[in-house]
Amino acid sequence: MELIQQLKQDGIDKGLCRLWQGKLRAGLSTEELAKLYIKGIDFCISEDYPTLNFLREHFKGKCEPFGVYVDDEIPPTANKPDMVLNGACKAMLEYDDFSVSRLYMRHDSEAAVIVSNNAIVTIDLFDNAKIHISVIGTEARVNINAYGRNTTVDYIGISSFARIKTIFHDKPTY
């Protein structure tokens, strides 16, 4: 079965609405699929769609330039607007200046994140994800949503004036 058709059928099996079914049409590039994945990340994470094994088989090595990673050792990266870490990713990320970014971490991913200057970063953690967060200065803002009981937030060098908000949700997903 063609990749797009398989994604569509798997989505239908998990309750994907007609509007989003229509977005999965033949001929979509890897970049377009990655953008759809990020745009519909709430459904993808809550329904485990596509599965980690599907991502490993069909997207590993292809979707990284578009912000979707699977079991990767991500070199130091700065100000990437949207990132999804799936599987067992390891990353060193930095956000500064006036960047606005979203980071989604799943499965067994782990990241060290430094936020400074006027950057605004929202981080959602799931499964066994672990983050080491440092906020430098008083203008940077960080919002962390930790889902489930197995996520870990490790604060490093957070000043008393840092603008960081962490919410621990007692449920595994959105």
N, C-alpha and C. Protein backbone atom coordinates (compact mmCIF):
# COMPACT_ATOMS: atom_id res chain seq x y z
N MET A 1 0.85 -1.17 0.00
CA MET A 1 0.00 0.00 0.00
C MET A 1 0.90 1.24 0.00
N GLU A 2 0.53 2.22 -0.79
CA GLU A 2 1.29 3.48 -0.85
C GLU A 2 1.33 4.14 0.53
N LEU A 3 2.42 4.85 0.81
CA LEU A 3 2.64 5.47 2.11
C LEU A 3 1.49 6.38 2.52
N ILE A 4 1.04 7.27 1.64
CA ILE A 4 -0.04 8.20 1.96
C ILE A 4 -1.33 7.44 2.25
N GLN A 5 -1.62 6.44 1.45
CA GLN A 5 -2.83 5.63 1.67
C GLN A 5 -2.77 4.91 3.02
N GLN A 6 -1.58 4.40 3.36
CA GLN A 6 -1.42 3.73 4.65
C GLN A 6 -1.62 4.71 5.81
N LEU A 7 -1.04 5.92 5.69
CA LEU A 7 -1.24 6.94 6.71
C LEU A 7 -2.72 7.30 6.85
N LYS A 8 -3.37 7.44 5.72
CA LYS A 8 -4.79 7.80 5.72
C LYS A 8 -5.62 6.70 6.41
N GLN A 9 -5.37 5.46 6.03
CA GLN A 9 -6.13 4.35 6.61
C GLN A 9 -5.86 4.21 8.11
N ASP A 10 -4.60 4.34 8.50
CA ASP A 10 -4.27 4.28 9.92
C ASP A 10 -4.95 5.42 10.68
N GLY A 11 -5.01 6.60 10.06
CA GLY A 11 -5.68 7.75 10.68
C GLY A 11 -7.17 7.51 10.83
N ILE A 12 -7.79 6.97 9.80
CA ILE A 12 -9.22 6.66 9.87
C ILE A 12 -9.50 5.67 10.99
N ASP A 13 -8.63 4.67 11.11
CA ASP A 13 -8.78 3.67 12.17
C ASP A 13 -8.69 4.30 13.56
N LYS A 14 -7.99 5.43 13.67
CA LYS A 14 -7.83 6.10 14.97
C LYS A 14 -8.76 7.29 15.14
N GLY A 15 -9.67 7.50 14.17
CA GLY A 15 -10.66 8.56 14.30
C GLY A 15 -10.32 9.88 13.63
N LEU A 16 -9.42 9.86 12.66
CA LEU A 16 -9.05 11.07 11.94
C LEU A 16 -10.28 11.62 11.21
N CYS A 17 -10.56 12.92 11.41
CA CYS A 17 -11.76 13.53 10.82
C CYS A 17 -11.63 13.66 9.30
N ARG A 18 -12.74 13.87 8.63
CA ARG A 18 -12.77 13.97 7.16
C ARG A 18 -11.91 15.11 6.63
N LEU A 19 -11.91 16.23 7.34
CA LEU A 19 -11.10 17.37 6.90
C LEU A 19 -9.64 16.98 6.80
N TRP A 20 -9.12 16.32 7.83
CA TRP A 20 -7.72 15.91 7.82
C TRP A 20 -7.49 14.71 6.90
N GLN A 21 -8.48 13.87 6.72
CA GLN A 21 -8.34 12.79 5.75
C GLN A 21 -8.09 13.38 4.36
N GLY A 22 -8.81 14.47 4.06
CA GLY A 22 -8.66 15.12 2.76
C GLY A 22 -7.30 15.76 2.55
N LYS A 23 -6.63 16.10 3.63
CA LYS A 23 -5.30 16.70 3.52
C LYS A 23 -4.26 15.65 3.13
N LEU A 24 -4.54 14.38 3.40
CA LEU A 24 -3.62 13.30 3.04
C LEU A 24 -3.93 12.82 1.62
N ARG A 25 -3.34 13.51 0.66
CA ARG A 25 -3.57 13.20 -0.75
C ARG A 25 -2.27 12.75 -1.41
N ALA A 26 -2.40 12.01 -2.45
CA ALA A 26 -1.23 11.48 -3.17
C ALA A 26 -0.30 12.60 -3.61
N GLY A 27 0.98 12.30 -3.60
CA GLY A 27 1.96 13.24 -4.10
C GLY A 27 2.54 14.20 -3.08
N LEU A 28 2.14 14.09 -1.81
CA LEU A 28 2.69 14.98 -0.80
C LEU A 28 4.17 14.68 -0.58
N SER A 29 4.96 15.71 -0.45
CA SER A 29 6.39 15.55 -0.19
C SER A 29 6.61 15.26 1.29
N THR A 30 7.83 14.85 1.63
CA THR A 30 8.18 14.64 3.02
C THR A 30 8.03 15.94 3.81
N GLU A 31 8.41 17.06 3.22
CA GLU A 31 8.26 18.34 3.89
C GLU A 31 6.79 18.65 4.18
N GLU A 32 5.92 18.41 3.22
CA GLU A 32 4.48 18.66 3.41
C GLU A 32 3.91 17.73 4.49
N LEU A 33 4.35 16.48 4.50
CA LEU A 33 3.89 15.54 5.53
C LEU A 33 4.37 15.96 6.91
N ALA A 34 5.61 16.43 7.01
CA ALA A 34 6.14 16.90 8.29
C ALA A 34 5.36 18.11 8.78
N LYS A 35 5.02 19.02 7.88
CA LYS A 35 4.24 20.20 8.26
C LYS A 35 2.85 19.80 8.75
N LEU A 36 2.22 18.83 8.09
CA LEU A 36 0.92 18.34 8.54
C LEU A 36 1.03 17.68 9.91
N TYR A 37 2.09 16.92 10.11
CA TYR A 37 2.32 16.25 11.39
C TYR A 37 2.42 17.27 12.51
N ILE A 38 3.19 18.33 12.30
CA ILE A 38 3.34 19.36 13.33
C ILE A 38 2.04 20.13 13.53
N LYS A 39 1.37 20.45 12.44
CA LYS A 39 0.12 21.21 12.54
C LYS A 39 -0.97 20.41 13.29
N GLY A 40 -0.97 19.11 13.09
CA GLY A 40 -1.96 18.25 13.75
C GLY A 40 -1.37 17.47 14.91
N ILE A 41 -0.34 18.02 15.55
CA ILE A 41 0.40 17.29 16.58
C ILE A 41 -0.46 16.85 17.75
N ASP A 42 -1.49 17.60 18.09
CA ASP A 42 -2.34 17.20 19.22
C ASP A 42 -3.00 15.85 18.95
N PHE A 43 -3.55 15.66 17.74
CA PHE A 43 -4.15 14.37 17.39
C PHE A 43 -3.07 13.29 17.30
N CYS A 44 -1.96 13.62 16.66
CA CYS A 44 -0.90 12.63 16.46
C CYS A 44 -0.37 12.09 17.79
N ILE A 45 -0.15 12.98 18.75
CA ILE A 45 0.36 12.53 20.04
C ILE A 45 -0.71 11.79 20.84
N SER A 46 -1.90 12.34 20.90
CA SER A 46 -2.94 11.70 21.71
C SER A 46 -3.35 10.34 21.17
N GLU A 47 -3.24 10.15 19.87
CA GLU A 47 -3.64 8.86 19.27
C GLU A 47 -2.45 7.99 18.87
N ASP A 48 -1.22 8.42 19.22
CA ASP A 48 -0.01 7.71 18.83
C ASP A 48 -0.04 7.40 17.32
N TYR A 49 -0.20 8.47 16.57
CA TYR A 49 -0.37 8.38 15.11
C TYR A 49 0.59 9.31 14.40
N PRO A 50 1.36 8.85 13.49
CA PRO A 50 1.65 7.43 13.26
C PRO A 50 2.48 6.86 14.40
N THR A 51 2.54 5.57 14.49
CA THR A 51 3.25 4.93 15.58
C THR A 51 4.76 5.18 15.44
N LEU A 52 5.47 4.99 16.54
CA LEU A 52 6.91 5.17 16.52
C LEU A 52 7.56 4.24 15.51
N ASN A 53 7.11 3.01 15.44
CA ASN A 53 7.69 2.07 14.46
C ASN A 53 7.45 2.53 13.04
N PHE A 54 6.27 3.09 12.76
CA PHE A 54 5.96 3.62 11.42
C PHE A 54 6.88 4.79 11.10
N LEU A 55 7.08 5.68 12.08
CA LEU A 55 7.98 6.82 11.88
C LEU A 55 9.40 6.33 11.60
N ARG A 56 9.84 5.34 12.37
CA ARG A 56 11.19 4.79 12.17
C ARG A 56 11.34 4.21 10.77
N GLU A 57 10.35 3.47 10.34
CA GLU A 57 10.43 2.78 9.06
C GLU A 57 10.34 3.73 7.86
N HIS A 58 9.48 4.73 7.95
CA HIS A 58 9.20 5.54 6.76
C HIS A 58 9.76 6.97 6.78
N PHE A 59 10.14 7.47 7.95
CA PHE A 59 10.52 8.88 8.00
C PHE A 59 11.92 9.15 8.56
N LYS A 60 12.49 8.22 9.29
CA LYS A 60 13.83 8.44 9.85
C LYS A 60 14.81 8.68 8.71
N GLY A 61 15.58 9.75 8.86
CA GLY A 61 16.56 10.09 7.83
C GLY A 61 16.01 10.98 6.73
N LYS A 62 14.71 11.27 6.76
CA LYS A 62 14.09 12.08 5.71
C LYS A 62 13.44 13.35 6.24
N CYS A 63 12.96 13.32 7.47
CA CYS A 63 12.13 14.43 7.97
C CYS A 63 12.87 15.40 8.89
N GLU A 64 14.13 15.13 9.20
CA GLU A 64 14.88 15.97 10.12
C GLU A 64 15.01 17.43 9.66
N PRO A 65 15.24 17.69 8.36
CA PRO A 65 15.34 19.10 7.94
C PRO A 65 14.06 19.90 8.20
N PHE A 66 12.95 19.21 8.44
CA PHE A 66 11.66 19.85 8.63
C PHE A 66 11.20 19.85 10.09
N GLY A 67 12.11 19.48 11.00
CA GLY A 67 11.83 19.58 12.42
C GLY A 67 11.29 18.33 13.09
N VAL A 68 11.20 17.21 12.39
CA VAL A 68 10.69 15.97 12.97
C VAL A 68 11.85 14.98 13.06
N TYR A 69 12.15 14.55 14.27
CA TYR A 69 13.30 13.68 14.52
C TYR A 69 12.84 12.35 15.09
N VAL A 70 13.58 11.29 14.75
CA VAL A 70 13.29 9.95 15.23
C VAL A 70 14.61 9.30 15.63
N ASP A 71 14.77 9.03 16.94
CA ASP A 71 15.97 8.36 17.45
C ASP A 71 17.27 9.03 16.99
N ASP A 72 17.33 10.34 17.03
CA ASP A 72 18.49 11.06 16.52
C ASP A 72 19.34 11.66 17.63
N GLU A 73 20.64 11.78 17.36
CA GLU A 73 21.56 12.59 18.17
C GLU A 73 21.61 13.92 17.43
N ILE A 74 20.90 14.90 17.95
CA ILE A 74 20.77 16.18 17.26
C ILE A 74 21.92 17.09 17.68
N PRO A 75 22.70 17.56 16.70
CA PRO A 75 23.81 18.46 17.05
C PRO A 75 23.26 19.76 17.63
N PRO A 76 24.10 20.53 18.33
CA PRO A 76 23.60 21.80 18.88
C PRO A 76 22.83 22.59 17.82
N THR A 77 21.62 22.99 18.19
CA THR A 77 20.70 23.65 17.26
C THR A 77 20.17 24.91 17.92
N ALA A 78 20.07 25.99 17.13
CA ALA A 78 19.59 27.26 17.68
C ALA A 78 18.36 27.76 16.94
N ASN A 79 17.37 28.17 17.72
CA ASN A 79 16.20 28.90 17.24
C ASN A 79 15.37 28.20 16.17
N LYS A 80 15.32 26.89 16.19
CA LYS A 80 14.47 26.16 15.25
C LYS A 80 13.02 26.36 15.71
N PRO A 81 12.13 26.82 14.83
CA PRO A 81 10.78 27.21 15.27
C PRO A 81 9.91 26.08 15.81
N ASP A 82 9.90 24.93 15.19
CA ASP A 82 9.08 23.80 15.65
C ASP A 82 9.92 22.54 15.56
N MET A 83 9.91 21.77 16.65
CA MET A 83 10.65 20.51 16.66
C MET A 83 9.83 19.45 17.39
N VAL A 84 9.87 18.23 16.85
CA VAL A 84 9.24 17.08 17.51
C VAL A 84 10.32 16.02 17.65
N LEU A 85 10.59 15.63 18.89
CA LEU A 85 11.58 14.60 19.16
C LEU A 85 10.84 13.32 19.51
N ASN A 86 10.98 12.30 18.66
CA ASN A 86 10.32 11.01 18.83
C ASN A 86 11.36 9.94 19.12
N GLY A 87 10.98 8.92 19.84
CA GLY A 87 11.90 7.82 20.11
C GLY A 87 12.89 8.19 21.17
N ALA A 88 14.16 7.90 20.91
CA ALA A 88 15.23 8.14 21.89
C ALA A 88 16.17 9.23 21.37
N CYS A 89 15.64 10.40 21.12
CA CYS A 89 16.45 11.53 20.65
C CYS A 89 17.25 12.11 21.81
N LYS A 90 18.39 12.66 21.47
CA LYS A 90 19.23 13.42 22.40
C LYS A 90 19.52 14.74 21.71
N ALA A 91 19.33 15.87 22.43
CA ALA A 91 19.50 17.16 21.77
C ALA A 91 20.05 18.21 22.72
N MET A 92 20.77 19.17 22.12
CA MET A 92 21.20 20.38 22.81
C MET A 92 20.62 21.53 22.01
N LEU A 93 19.69 22.27 22.64
CA LEU A 93 18.96 23.31 21.92
C LEU A 93 19.11 24.65 22.62
N GLU A 94 19.17 25.69 21.80
CA GLU A 94 19.29 27.03 22.34
C GLU A 94 18.31 27.95 21.62
N TYR A 95 17.65 28.79 22.41
CA TYR A 95 16.71 29.76 21.87
C TYR A 95 17.08 31.12 22.45
N ASP A 96 17.27 32.09 21.55
CA ASP A 96 17.63 33.42 22.02
C ASP A 96 17.07 34.49 21.09
N ASP A 97 17.53 35.72 21.31
CA ASP A 97 17.03 36.87 20.56
C ASP A 97 15.51 36.95 20.69
N PHE A 98 14.82 37.05 19.57
CA PHE A 98 13.35 37.18 19.60
C PHE A 98 12.68 35.95 18.99
N SER A 99 13.31 34.78 19.12
CA SER A 99 12.74 33.57 18.53
C SER A 99 11.50 33.13 19.31
N VAL A 100 10.57 32.53 18.59
CA VAL A 100 9.36 31.95 19.16
C VAL A 100 9.32 30.51 18.67
N SER A 101 9.31 29.56 19.60
CA SER A 101 9.45 28.16 19.20
C SER A 101 8.57 27.25 20.03
N ARG A 102 8.27 26.08 19.43
CA ARG A 102 7.54 25.02 20.11
C ARG A 102 8.37 23.75 20.02
N LEU A 103 8.46 23.05 21.14
CA LEU A 103 9.22 21.81 21.20
C LEU A 103 8.32 20.73 21.80
N TYR A 104 8.21 19.61 21.10
CA TYR A 104 7.42 18.47 21.56
C TYR A 104 8.39 17.31 21.76
N MET A 105 8.41 16.74 22.95
CA MET A 105 9.32 15.64 23.25
C MET A 105 8.52 14.43 23.68
N ARG A 106 8.80 13.30 23.03
CA ARG A 106 8.06 12.08 23.29
C ARG A 106 8.98 10.91 23.58
N HIS A 107 8.36 9.84 24.00
CA HIS A 107 9.02 8.56 24.23
C HIS A 107 10.17 8.71 25.22
N ASP A 108 11.39 8.39 24.82
CA ASP A 108 12.55 8.44 25.72
C ASP A 108 13.51 9.56 25.33
N SER A 109 13.02 10.61 24.73
CA SER A 109 13.88 11.71 24.29
C SER A 109 14.37 12.52 25.49
N GLU A 110 15.55 13.11 25.31
CA GLU A 110 16.15 13.93 26.36
C GLU A 110 16.82 15.13 25.70
N ALA A 111 16.65 16.30 26.32
CA ALA A 111 17.24 17.51 25.75
C ALA A 111 17.72 18.46 26.83
N ALA A 112 18.81 19.14 26.52
CA ALA A 112 19.29 20.26 27.32
C ALA A 112 18.89 21.51 26.54
N VAL A 113 18.17 22.42 27.21
CA VAL A 113 17.63 23.59 26.53
C VAL A 113 18.04 24.85 27.29
N ILE A 114 18.59 25.81 26.56
CA ILE A 114 18.94 27.12 27.12
C ILE A 114 18.08 28.16 26.42
N VAL A 115 17.38 28.97 27.21
CA VAL A 115 16.52 30.03 26.67
C VAL A 115 17.01 31.35 27.24
N SER A 116 17.22 32.34 26.35
CA SER A 116 17.74 33.62 26.82
C SER A 116 17.18 34.78 26.00
N ASN A 117 17.59 35.97 26.41
CA ASN A 117 17.17 37.22 25.78
C ASN A 117 15.66 37.32 25.76
N ASN A 118 15.05 37.51 24.60
CA ASN A 118 13.61 37.70 24.50
C ASN A 118 12.89 36.50 23.88
N ALA A 119 13.53 35.34 23.89
CA ALA A 119 12.93 34.15 23.28
C ALA A 119 11.70 33.69 24.07
N ILE A 120 10.76 33.11 23.34
CA ILE A 120 9.56 32.52 23.94
C ILE A 120 9.49 31.08 23.45
N VAL A 121 9.47 30.13 24.39
CA VAL A 121 9.49 28.72 24.04
C VAL A 121 8.40 27.98 24.82
N THR A 122 7.64 27.17 24.11
CA THR A 122 6.66 26.28 24.73
C THR A 122 7.15 24.86 24.53
N ILE A 123 7.19 24.10 25.61
CA ILE A 123 7.71 22.73 25.57
C ILE A 123 6.65 21.79 26.12
N ASP A 124 6.29 20.78 25.34
CA ASP A 124 5.36 19.74 25.80
C ASP A 124 6.12 18.43 25.91
N LEU A 125 6.05 17.80 27.08
CA LEU A 125 6.75 16.54 27.36
C LEU A 125 5.74 15.41 27.52
N PHE A 126 6.09 14.24 26.98
CA PHE A 126 5.22 13.07 27.06
C PHE A 126 6.05 11.82 27.36
N ASP A 127 5.38 10.79 27.78
CA ASP A 127 5.97 9.48 28.00
C ASP A 127 7.10 9.56 29.03
N ASN A 128 8.33 9.24 28.63
CA ASN A 128 9.48 9.27 29.53
C ASN A 128 10.45 10.39 29.17
N ALA A 129 9.98 11.41 28.51
CA ALA A 129 10.85 12.50 28.05
C ALA A 129 11.45 13.23 29.25
N LYS A 130 12.68 13.71 29.04
CA LYS A 130 13.40 14.40 30.11
C LYS A 130 14.03 15.66 29.54
N ILE A 131 13.85 16.78 30.26
CA ILE A 131 14.41 18.05 29.82
C ILE A 131 15.24 18.67 30.94
N HIS A 132 16.38 19.23 30.56
CA HIS A 132 17.24 20.01 31.44
C HIS A 132 17.12 21.44 30.93
N ILE A 133 16.50 22.31 31.70
CA ILE A 133 16.17 23.65 31.22
C ILE A 133 16.93 24.73 32.00
N SER A 134 17.45 25.68 31.25
CA SER A 134 18.11 26.84 31.84
C SER A 134 17.54 28.08 31.18
N VAL A 135 17.14 29.05 32.01
CA VAL A 135 16.60 30.30 31.50
C VAL A 135 17.50 31.43 31.99
N ILE A 136 18.04 32.18 31.03
CA ILE A 136 18.98 33.25 31.34
C ILE A 136 18.30 34.59 31.11
N GLY A 137 18.31 35.43 32.12
CA GLY A 137 17.73 36.76 32.00
C GLY A 137 16.27 36.80 32.39
N THR A 138 15.72 38.00 32.35
CA THR A 138 14.34 38.18 32.81
C THR A 138 13.35 38.35 31.68
N GLU A 139 13.80 38.47 30.46
CA GLU A 139 12.88 38.70 29.35
C GLU A 139 12.47 37.41 28.63
N ALA A 140 13.25 36.36 28.74
CA ALA A 140 12.90 35.09 28.11
C ALA A 140 11.71 34.49 28.84
N ARG A 141 10.84 33.81 28.07
CA ARG A 141 9.67 33.15 28.66
C ARG A 141 9.62 31.69 28.23
N VAL A 142 9.35 30.81 29.18
CA VAL A 142 9.27 29.38 28.90
C VAL A 142 8.01 28.84 29.55
N ASN A 143 7.23 28.10 28.77
CA ASN A 143 6.05 27.40 29.27
C ASN A 143 6.28 25.91 29.04
N ILE A 144 6.22 25.13 30.11
CA ILE A 144 6.42 23.69 30.02
C ILE A 144 5.15 22.99 30.45
N ASN A 145 4.69 22.06 29.62
CA ASN A 145 3.55 21.19 29.93
C ASN A 145 4.09 19.77 30.00
N ALA A 146 4.09 19.19 31.19
CA ALA A 146 4.59 17.84 31.38
C ALA A 146 3.40 16.91 31.59
N TYR A 147 3.25 15.95 30.68
CA TYR A 147 2.11 15.03 30.72
C TYR A 147 2.55 13.68 31.26
N GLY A 148 1.76 13.14 32.17
CA GLY A 148 2.05 11.84 32.75
C GLY A 148 3.01 11.94 33.92
N ARG A 149 3.24 10.82 34.54
CA ARG A 149 4.07 10.80 35.75
C ARG A 149 5.52 10.45 35.48
N ASN A 150 5.87 10.13 34.25
CA ASN A 150 7.23 9.69 33.97
C ASN A 150 8.08 10.74 33.27
N THR A 151 7.53 11.91 33.02
CA THR A 151 8.33 12.98 32.43
C THR A 151 9.17 13.63 33.53
N THR A 152 10.31 14.20 33.11
CA THR A 152 11.22 14.81 34.07
C THR A 152 11.60 16.21 33.61
N VAL A 153 11.48 17.17 34.53
CA VAL A 153 11.92 18.54 34.26
C VAL A 153 13.01 18.85 35.28
N ASP A 154 14.21 19.14 34.77
CA ASP A 154 15.37 19.43 35.60
C ASP A 154 15.76 20.89 35.37
N TYR A 155 15.58 21.72 36.39
CA TYR A 155 15.87 23.16 36.28
C TYR A 155 17.33 23.40 36.62
N ILE A 156 18.04 24.08 35.72
CA ILE A 156 19.46 24.36 35.92
C ILE A 156 19.67 25.86 35.78
N GLY A 157 20.19 26.49 36.80
CA GLY A 157 20.54 27.90 36.70
C GLY A 157 19.36 28.82 36.46
N ILE A 158 18.24 28.54 37.08
CA ILE A 158 17.05 29.38 36.92
C ILE A 158 17.11 30.48 37.99
N SER A 159 17.16 31.72 37.52
CA SER A 159 17.18 32.82 38.50
C SER A 159 15.77 33.03 39.06
N SER A 160 15.70 33.70 40.18
CA SER A 160 14.40 33.94 40.80
C SER A 160 13.52 34.86 39.95
N PHE A 161 14.14 35.56 38.99
CA PHE A 161 13.38 36.47 38.13
C PHE A 161 13.00 35.84 36.79
N ALA A 162 13.42 34.61 36.56
CA ALA A 162 13.13 33.94 35.29
C ALA A 162 11.63 33.78 35.11
N ARG A 163 11.19 33.92 33.88
CA ARG A 163 9.77 33.80 33.56
C ARG A 163 9.53 32.40 32.99
N ILE A 164 9.35 31.45 33.90
CA ILE A 164 9.15 30.06 33.51
C ILE A 164 7.91 29.54 34.23
N LYS A 165 7.06 28.87 33.48
CA LYS A 165 5.83 28.32 34.04
C LYS A 165 5.78 26.84 33.66
N THR A 166 5.64 26.00 34.66
CA THR A 166 5.57 24.56 34.42
C THR A 166 4.26 24.04 34.98
N ILE A 167 3.56 23.28 34.15
CA ILE A 167 2.31 22.64 34.59
C ILE A 167 2.49 21.13 34.42
N PHE A 168 2.30 20.41 35.51
CA PHE A 168 2.36 18.96 35.49
C PHE A 168 0.94 18.45 35.37
N HIS A 169 0.65 17.79 34.27
CA HIS A 169 -0.69 17.25 34.02
C HIS A 169 -0.72 15.79 34.45
N ASP A 170 -1.73 15.41 35.19
CA ASP A 170 -1.85 14.04 35.67
C ASP A 170 -2.61 13.18 34.66
N LYS A 171 -2.22 13.30 33.42
CA LYS A 171 -2.79 12.47 32.36
C LYS A 171 -1.70 12.28 31.31
N PRO A 172 -1.74 11.22 30.54
CA PRO A 172 -0.62 10.90 29.65
C PRO A 172 -0.52 11.77 28.39
N THR A 173 -1.58 12.47 28.03
CA THR A 173 -1.55 13.24 26.78
C THR A 173 -2.55 14.37 26.86
N TYR A 174 -2.71 15.07 25.76
CA TYR A 174 -3.63 16.21 25.71
C TYR A 174 -5.04 15.81 26.08
